[in-house]
């Protein structure tokens, strides 16, 4: 009976550690909305035309850079 309780406690402790570590690893970093993430780049030139950096644009409609799901995003140029 004692081994069953000890095994149950060990398994529960392991599950709690895994849950906590997953929560901590998936927490987004605290970064202001106008900065480019480390794994992203900013295009500043397109077909020879200089583009305004995102942090210098005077947009009134969008506050900061929108979050885009890279896996489902599809760029379509007409």
PDB file of N, CA and C in Angstrom:
ATOM      1  N   UNK A   1       0.823  -1.193   0.000  1.00  0.00           N
ATOM      2  CA  UNK A   1       0.000   0.000   0.000  1.00  0.00           C
ATOM      3  C   UNK A   1       0.867   1.256   0.000  1.00  0.00           C
ATOM      4  N   UNK A   2       1.980   1.222   0.745  1.00  0.00           N
ATOM      5  CA  UNK A   2       2.875   2.373   0.833  1.00  0.00           C
ATOM      6  C   UNK A   2       3.552   2.664  -0.493  1.00  0.00           C
ATOM      7  N   UNK A   3       3.879   1.599  -1.271  1.00  0.00           N
ATOM      8  CA  UNK A   3       4.521   1.798  -2.574  1.00  0.00           C
ATOM      9  C   UNK A   3       3.563   2.457  -3.550  1.00  0.00           C
ATOM     10  N   UNK A   4       2.283   2.136  -3.479  1.00  0.00           N
ATOM     11  CA  UNK A   4       1.291   2.727  -4.386  1.00  0.00           C
ATOM     12  C   UNK A   4       1.163   4.226  -4.104  1.00  0.00           C
ATOM     13  N   UNK A   5       1.126   4.587  -2.839  1.00  0.00           N
ATOM     14  CA  UNK A   5       1.019   6.006  -2.479  1.00  0.00           C
ATOM     15  C   UNK A   5       2.269   6.760  -2.910  1.00  0.00           C
ATOM     16  N   UNK A   6       3.449   6.193  -2.659  1.00  0.00           N
ATOM     17  CA  UNK A   6       4.710   6.829  -3.045  1.00  0.00           C
ATOM     18  C   UNK A   6       4.800   6.975  -4.562  1.00  0.00           C
ATOM     19  N   UNK A   7       4.394   5.960  -5.306  1.00  0.00           N
ATOM     20  CA  UNK A   7       4.404   6.015  -6.765  1.00  0.00           C
ATOM     21  C   UNK A   7       3.435   7.084  -7.265  1.00  0.00           C
ATOM     22  N   UNK A   8       2.262   7.154  -6.667  1.00  0.00           N
ATOM     23  CA  UNK A   8       1.270   8.162  -7.048  1.00  0.00           C
ATOM     24  C   UNK A   8       1.797   9.572  -6.789  1.00  0.00           C
ATOM     25  N   UNK A   9       2.436   9.774  -5.652  1.00  0.00           N
ATOM     26  CA  UNK A   9       3.000  11.090  -5.322  1.00  0.00           C
ATOM     27  C   UNK A   9       4.102  11.461  -6.312  1.00  0.00           C
ATOM     28  N   UNK A  10       4.955  10.498  -6.656  1.00  0.00           N
ATOM     29  CA  UNK A  10       6.031  10.761  -7.619  1.00  0.00           C
ATOM     30  C   UNK A  10       5.469  11.116  -8.994  1.00  0.00           C
ATOM     31  N   UNK A  11       4.466  10.397  -9.427  1.00  0.00           N
ATOM     32  CA  UNK A  11       3.850  10.667 -10.735  1.00  0.00           C
ATOM     33  C   UNK A  11       3.175  12.038 -10.731  1.00  0.00           C
ATOM     34  N   UNK A  12       2.443  12.357  -9.681  1.00  0.00           N
ATOM     35  CA  UNK A  12       1.784  13.663  -9.584  1.00  0.00           C
ATOM     36  C   UNK A  12       2.806  14.804  -9.571  1.00  0.00           C
ATOM     37  N   UNK A  13       3.900  14.614  -8.834  1.00  0.00           N
ATOM     38  CA  UNK A  13       4.957  15.624  -8.786  1.00  0.00           C
ATOM     39  C   UNK A  13       5.564  15.819 -10.172  1.00  0.00           C
ATOM     40  N   UNK A  14       5.815  14.751 -10.881  1.00  0.00           N
ATOM     41  CA  UNK A  14       6.370  14.822 -12.229  1.00  0.00           C
ATOM     42  C   UNK A  14       5.406  15.543 -13.177  1.00  0.00           C
ATOM     43  N   UNK A  15       4.137  15.247 -13.076  1.00  0.00           N
ATOM     44  CA  UNK A  15       3.136  15.913 -13.925  1.00  0.00           C
ATOM     45  C   UNK A  15       3.097  17.415 -13.617  1.00  0.00           C
ATOM     46  N   UNK A  16       3.139  17.776 -12.358  1.00  0.00           N
ATOM     47  CA  UNK A  16       3.123  19.198 -11.978  1.00  0.00           C
ATOM     48  C   UNK A  16       4.372  19.904 -12.506  1.00  0.00           C
ATOM     49  N   UNK A  17       5.527  19.280 -12.410  1.00  0.00           N
ATOM     50  CA  UNK A  17       6.772  19.876 -12.921  1.00  0.00           C
ATOM     51  C   UNK A  17       6.688  20.079 -14.430  1.00  0.00           C
ATOM     52  N   UNK A  18       6.157  19.107 -15.141  1.00  0.00           N
ATOM     53  CA  UNK A  18       6.025  19.226 -16.599  1.00  0.00           C
ATOM     54  C   UNK A  18       5.063  20.355 -16.958  1.00  0.00           C
ATOM     55  N   UNK A  19       3.943  20.445 -16.274  1.00  0.00           N
ATOM     56  CA  UNK A  19       2.963  21.500 -16.552  1.00  0.00           C
ATOM     57  C   UNK A  19       3.568  22.875 -16.284  1.00  0.00           C
ATOM     58  N   UNK A  20       4.261  23.028 -15.170  1.00  0.00           N
ATOM     59  CA  UNK A  20       4.872  24.316 -14.832  1.00  0.00           C
ATOM     60  C   UNK A  20       5.954  24.684 -15.846  1.00  0.00           C
ATOM     61  N   UNK A  21       6.779  23.721 -16.246  1.00  0.00           N
ATOM     62  CA  UNK A  21       7.845  24.031 -17.200  1.00  0.00           C
ATOM     63  C   UNK A  21       7.276  24.405 -18.567  1.00  0.00           C
ATOM     64  N   UNK A  22       6.173  23.798 -18.978  1.00  0.00           N
ATOM     65  CA  UNK A  22       5.533  24.156 -20.237  1.00  0.00           C
ATOM     66  C   UNK A  22       4.962  25.556 -20.174  1.00  0.00           C
ATOM     67  N   UNK A  23       4.367  25.908 -19.058  1.00  0.00           N
ATOM     68  CA  UNK A  23       3.815  27.260 -18.907  1.00  0.00           C
ATOM     69  C   UNK A  23       4.915  28.303 -18.943  1.00  0.00           C
ATOM     70  N   UNK A  24       6.016  28.039 -18.297  1.00  0.00           N
ATOM     71  CA  UNK A  24       7.110  29.000 -18.270  1.00  0.00           C
ATOM     72  C   UNK A  24       7.787  29.133 -19.625  1.00  0.00           C
ATOM     73  N   UNK A  25       7.925  28.033 -20.359  1.00  0.00           N
ATOM     74  CA  UNK A  25       8.622  28.093 -21.642  1.00  0.00           C
ATOM     75  C   UNK A  25       7.775  28.723 -22.732  1.00  0.00           C
ATOM     76  N   UNK A  26       6.448  28.728 -22.598  1.00  0.00           N
ATOM     77  CA  UNK A  26       5.602  29.292 -23.636  1.00  0.00           C
ATOM     78  C   UNK A  26       5.169  30.725 -23.335  1.00  0.00           C
ATOM     79  N   UNK A  27       5.693  31.312 -22.271  1.00  0.00           N
ATOM     80  CA  UNK A  27       5.358  32.680 -21.932  1.00  0.00           C
ATOM     81  C   UNK A  27       6.067  33.626 -22.893  1.00  0.00           C
ATOM     82  N   UNK A  28       5.331  34.502 -23.593  1.00  0.00           N
ATOM     83  CA  UNK A  28       5.983  35.416 -24.531  1.00  0.00           C
ATOM     84  C   UNK A  28       6.840  36.436 -23.797  1.00  0.00           C
ATOM     85  N   UNK A  29       7.923  36.883 -24.423  1.00  0.00           N
ATOM     86  CA  UNK A  29       8.772  37.876 -23.765  1.00  0.00           C
ATOM     87  C   UNK A  29       8.061  39.220 -23.674  1.00  0.00           C
ATOM     88  N   UNK A  30       8.442  40.009 -22.694  1.00  0.00           N
ATOM     89  CA  UNK A  30       7.861  41.340 -22.537  1.00  0.00           C
ATOM     90  C   UNK A  30       8.589  42.306 -23.463  1.00  0.00           C
ATOM     91  N   UNK A  31       8.030  42.515 -24.651  1.00  0.00           N
ATOM     92  CA  UNK A  31       8.635  43.441 -25.601  1.00  0.00           C
ATOM     93  C   UNK A  31       7.586  44.443 -26.044  1.00  0.00           C
ATOM     94  N   UNK A  32       7.995  45.693 -26.237  1.00  0.00           N
ATOM     95  CA  UNK A  32       7.050  46.680 -26.754  1.00  0.00           C
ATOM     96  C   UNK A  32       6.584  46.290 -28.158  1.00  0.00           C
ATOM     97  N   UNK A  33       5.428  46.798 -28.566  1.00  0.00           N
ATOM     98  CA  UNK A  33       4.828  46.400 -29.829  1.00  0.00           C
ATOM     99  C   UNK A  33       5.532  46.874 -31.082  1.00  0.00           C
ATOM    100  N   UNK A  34       6.463  47.824 -31.004  1.00  0.00           N
ATOM    101  CA  UNK A  34       7.083  48.360 -32.202  1.00  0.00           C
ATOM    102  C   UNK A  34       8.410  47.711 -32.551  1.00  0.00           C
ATOM    103  N   UNK A  35       8.841  46.716 -31.833  1.00  0.00           N
ATOM    104  CA  UNK A  35      10.129  46.105 -32.106  1.00  0.00           C
ATOM    105  C   UNK A  35       9.963  44.822 -32.907  1.00  0.00           C
ATOM    106  N   UNK A  36      10.956  44.530 -33.737  1.00  0.00           N
ATOM    107  CA  UNK A  36      10.990  43.292 -34.510  1.00  0.00           C
ATOM    108  C   UNK A  36      11.538  42.194 -33.608  1.00  0.00           C
ATOM    109  N   UNK A  37      10.902  41.018 -33.611  1.00  0.00           N
ATOM    110  CA  UNK A  37      11.396  39.886 -32.822  1.00  0.00           C
ATOM    111  C   UNK A  37      12.738  39.417 -33.369  1.00  0.00           C
ATOM    112  N   UNK A  38      13.502  38.702 -32.543  1.00  0.00           N
ATOM    113  CA  UNK A  38      14.830  38.239 -32.935  1.00  0.00           C
ATOM    114  C   UNK A  38      14.811  37.332 -34.164  1.00  0.00           C
ATOM    115  N   UNK A  39      13.732  36.584 -34.372  1.00  0.00           N
ATOM    116  CA  UNK A  39      13.690  35.640 -35.479  1.00  0.00           C
ATOM    117  C   UNK A  39      13.033  36.233 -36.726  1.00  0.00           C
ATOM    118  N   UNK A  40      12.816  37.547 -36.754  1.00  0.00           N
ATOM    119  CA  UNK A  40      12.180  38.189 -37.899  1.00  0.00           C
ATOM    120  C   UNK A  40      13.111  39.235 -38.485  1.00  0.00           C
ATOM    121  N   UNK A  41      12.887  39.563 -39.736  1.00  0.00           N
ATOM    122  CA  UNK A  41      13.643  40.622 -40.382  1.00  0.00           C
ATOM    123  C   UNK A  41      12.681  41.664 -40.918  1.00  0.00           C
ATOM    124  N   UNK A  42      13.191  42.832 -41.185  1.00  0.00           N
ATOM    125  CA  UNK A  42      12.382  43.917 -41.713  1.00  0.00           C
ATOM    126  C   UNK A  42      12.922  44.288 -43.090  1.00  0.00           C
ATOM    127  N   UNK A  43      12.065  44.260 -44.095  1.00  0.00           N
ATOM    128  CA  UNK A  43      12.461  44.630 -45.444  1.00  0.00           C
ATOM    129  C   UNK A  43      12.460  46.146 -45.544  1.00  0.00           C
ATOM    130  N   UNK A  44      13.587  46.711 -45.925  1.00  0.00           N
ATOM    131  CA  UNK A  44      13.692  48.168 -46.025  1.00  0.00           C
ATOM    132  C   UNK A  44      13.864  48.633 -47.465  1.00  0.00           C
ATOM    133  N   UNK A  45      13.938  47.672 -48.395  1.00  0.00           N
ATOM    134  CA  UNK A  45      14.075  48.014 -49.795  1.00  0.00           C
ATOM    135  C   UNK A  45      13.294  46.988 -50.601  1.00  0.00           C
ATOM    136  N   UNK A  46      12.431  47.462 -51.511  1.00  0.00           N
ATOM    137  CA  UNK A  46      11.650  46.562 -52.350  1.00  0.00           C
ATOM    138  C   UNK A  46      11.721  47.049 -53.788  1.00  0.00           C
ATOM    139  N   UNK A  47      12.283  46.234 -54.647  1.00  0.00           N
ATOM    140  CA  UNK A  47      12.453  46.539 -56.067  1.00  0.00           C
ATOM    141  C   UNK A  47      13.080  47.918 -56.269  1.00  0.00           C
ATOM    142  N   UNK A  48      14.120  48.199 -55.485  1.00  0.00           N
ATOM    143  CA  UNK A  48      14.850  49.447 -55.621  1.00  0.00           C
ATOM    144  C   UNK A  48      14.224  50.637 -54.923  1.00  0.00           C
ATOM    145  N   UNK A  49      13.081  50.456 -54.294  1.00  0.00           N
ATOM    146  CA  UNK A  49      12.391  51.553 -53.605  1.00  0.00           C
ATOM    147  C   UNK A  49      12.676  51.441 -52.106  1.00  0.00           C
ATOM    148  N   UNK A  50      13.167  52.534 -51.511  1.00  0.00           N
ATOM    149  CA  UNK A  50      13.417  52.571 -50.075  1.00  0.00           C
ATOM    150  C   UNK A  50      12.081  52.559 -49.326  1.00  0.00           C
ATOM    151  N   UNK A  51      11.971  51.705 -48.329  1.00  0.00           N
ATOM    152  CA  UNK A  51      10.760  51.617 -47.521  1.00  0.00           C
ATOM    153  C   UNK A  51      11.004  52.257 -46.159  1.00  0.00           C
ATOM    154  N   UNK A  52       9.978  52.842 -45.600  1.00  0.00           N
ATOM    155  CA  UNK A  52      10.072  53.460 -44.275  1.00  0.00           C
ATOM    156  C   UNK A  52      10.113  52.367 -43.212  1.00  0.00           C
ATOM    157  N   UNK A  53      11.088  52.405 -42.299  1.00  0.00           N
ATOM    158  CA  UNK A  53      11.120  51.407 -41.223  1.00  0.00           C
ATOM    159  C   UNK A  53       9.827  51.448 -40.414  1.00  0.00           C
ATOM    160  N   UNK A  54       9.428  50.308 -39.906  1.00  0.00           N
ATOM    161  CA  UNK A  54       8.149  50.183 -39.201  1.00  0.00           C
ATOM    162  C   UNK A  54       8.085  51.117 -37.993  1.00  0.00           C
ATOM    163  N   UNK A  55       9.209  51.320 -37.314  1.00  0.00           N
ATOM    164  CA  UNK A  55       9.174  52.176 -36.128  1.00  0.00           C
ATOM    165  C   UNK A  55       9.104  53.661 -36.466  1.00  0.00           C
ATOM    166  N   UNK A  56       9.235  54.015 -37.737  1.00  0.00           N
ATOM    167  CA  UNK A  56       9.141  55.417 -38.148  1.00  0.00           C
ATOM    168  C   UNK A  56       7.843  55.721 -38.889  1.00  0.00           C
ATOM    169  N   UNK A  57       6.994  54.739 -39.077  1.00  0.00           N
ATOM    170  CA  UNK A  57       5.741  54.966 -39.788  1.00  0.00           C
ATOM    171  C   UNK A  57       4.734  55.659 -38.882  1.00  0.00           C
ATOM    172  N   UNK A  58       3.979  56.572 -39.455  1.00  0.00           N
ATOM    173  CA  UNK A  58       2.994  57.346 -38.703  1.00  0.00           C
ATOM    174  C   UNK A  58       1.592  56.772 -38.931  1.00  0.00           C
ATOM    175  N   UNK A  59       1.378  55.539 -38.541  1.00  0.00           N
ATOM    176  CA  UNK A  59       0.090  54.887 -38.744  1.00  0.00           C
ATOM    177  C   UNK A  59      -0.846  55.214 -37.586  1.00  0.00           C
ATOM    178  N   UNK A  60      -2.062  55.558 -37.905  1.00  0.00           N
ATOM    179  CA  UNK A  60      -3.052  55.856 -36.866  1.00  0.00           C
ATOM    180  C   UNK A  60      -4.013  54.680 -36.653  1.00  0.00           C
ATOM    181  N   UNK A  61      -4.045  53.764 -37.583  1.00  0.00           N
ATOM    182  CA  UNK A  61      -5.018  52.673 -37.527  1.00  0.00           C
ATOM    183  C   UNK A  61      -4.546  51.495 -36.684  1.00  0.00           C
ATOM    184  N   UNK A  62      -3.265  51.210 -36.680  1.00  0.00           N
ATOM    185  CA  UNK A  62      -2.747  50.023 -36.001  1.00  0.00           C
ATOM    186  C   UNK A  62      -1.752  50.475 -34.936  1.00  0.00           C
ATOM    187  N   UNK A  63      -1.927  49.992 -33.733  1.00  0.00           N
ATOM    188  CA  UNK A  63      -0.984  50.278 -32.654  1.00  0.00           C
ATOM    189  C   UNK A  63       0.054  49.162 -32.632  1.00  0.00           C
ATOM    190  N   UNK A  64       1.254  49.450 -33.067  1.00  0.00           N
ATOM    191  CA  UNK A  64       2.329  48.467 -33.065  1.00  0.00           C
ATOM    192  C   UNK A  64       2.219  47.488 -34.218  1.00  0.00           C
ATOM    193  N   UNK A  65       3.064  46.495 -34.194  1.00  0.00           N
ATOM    194  CA  UNK A  65       3.112  45.480 -35.226  1.00  0.00           C
ATOM    195  C   UNK A  65       2.068  44.407 -34.910  1.00  0.00           C
ATOM    196  N   UNK A  66       1.182  44.074 -35.865  1.00  0.00           N
ATOM    197  CA  UNK A  66       0.198  43.032 -35.587  1.00  0.00           C
ATOM    198  C   UNK A  66       0.877  41.664 -35.475  1.00  0.00           C
ATOM    199  N   UNK A  67       0.314  40.798 -34.656  1.00  0.00           N
ATOM    200  CA  UNK A  67       0.820  39.426 -34.544  1.00  0.00           C
ATOM    201  C   UNK A  67       0.249  38.607 -35.688  1.00  0.00           C
ATOM    202  N   UNK A  68       1.132  37.985 -36.460  1.00  0.00           N
ATOM    203  CA  UNK A  68       0.728  37.194 -37.615  1.00  0.00           C
ATOM    204  C   UNK A  68       1.174  35.753 -37.392  1.00  0.00           C
ATOM    205  N   UNK A  69       0.274  34.822 -37.608  1.00  0.00           N
ATOM    206  CA  UNK A  69       0.609  33.409 -37.513  1.00  0.00           C
ATOM    207  C   UNK A  69       1.366  33.023 -38.780  1.00  0.00           C
ATOM    208  N   UNK A  70       2.669  32.813 -38.664  1.00  0.00           N
ATOM    209  CA  UNK A  70       3.533  32.525 -39.806  1.00  0.00           C
ATOM    210  C   UNK A  70       3.094  31.245 -40.519  1.00  0.00           C
ATOM    211  N   UNK A  71       2.589  30.268 -39.771  1.00  0.00           N
ATOM    212  CA  UNK A  71       2.204  28.989 -40.372  1.00  0.00           C
ATOM    213  C   UNK A  71       1.001  29.119 -41.304  1.00  0.00           C
ATOM    214  N   UNK A  72       0.067  30.019 -40.995  1.00  0.00           N
ATOM    215  CA  UNK A  72      -1.137  30.134 -41.796  1.00  0.00           C
ATOM    216  C   UNK A  72      -1.150  31.384 -42.684  1.00  0.00           C
ATOM    217  N   UNK A  73      -0.133  32.246 -42.557  1.00  0.00           N
ATOM    218  CA  UNK A  73      -0.101  33.501 -43.324  1.00  0.00           C
ATOM    219  C   UNK A  73       0.214  33.235 -44.790  1.00  0.00           C
ATOM    220  N   UNK A  74      -0.484  33.913 -45.671  1.00  0.00           N
ATOM    221  CA  UNK A  74      -0.237  33.766 -47.095  1.00  0.00           C
ATOM    222  C   UNK A  74      -0.253  35.159 -47.717  1.00  0.00           C
ATOM    223  N   UNK A  75       0.869  35.560 -48.317  1.00  0.00           N
ATOM    224  CA  UNK A  75       0.966  36.860 -48.966  1.00  0.00           C
ATOM    225  C   UNK A  75       0.477  36.726 -50.393  1.00  0.00           C
ATOM    226  N   UNK A  76      -0.461  37.584 -50.757  1.00  0.00           N
ATOM    227  CA  UNK A  76      -1.004  37.557 -52.108  1.00  0.00           C
ATOM    228  C   UNK A  76      -0.860  38.955 -52.695  1.00  0.00           C
ATOM    229  N   UNK A  77      -0.126  39.055 -53.799  1.00  0.00           N
ATOM    230  CA  UNK A  77       0.085  40.333 -54.470  1.00  0.00           C
ATOM    231  C   UNK A  77      -0.639  40.282 -55.787  1.00  0.00           C
ATOM    232  N   UNK A  78      -1.536  41.243 -56.015  1.00  0.00           N
ATOM    233  CA  UNK A  78      -2.301  41.294 -57.258  1.00  0.00           C
ATOM    234  C   UNK A  78      -1.733  42.340 -58.192  1.00  0.00           C
TER     235      UNK A  78
END
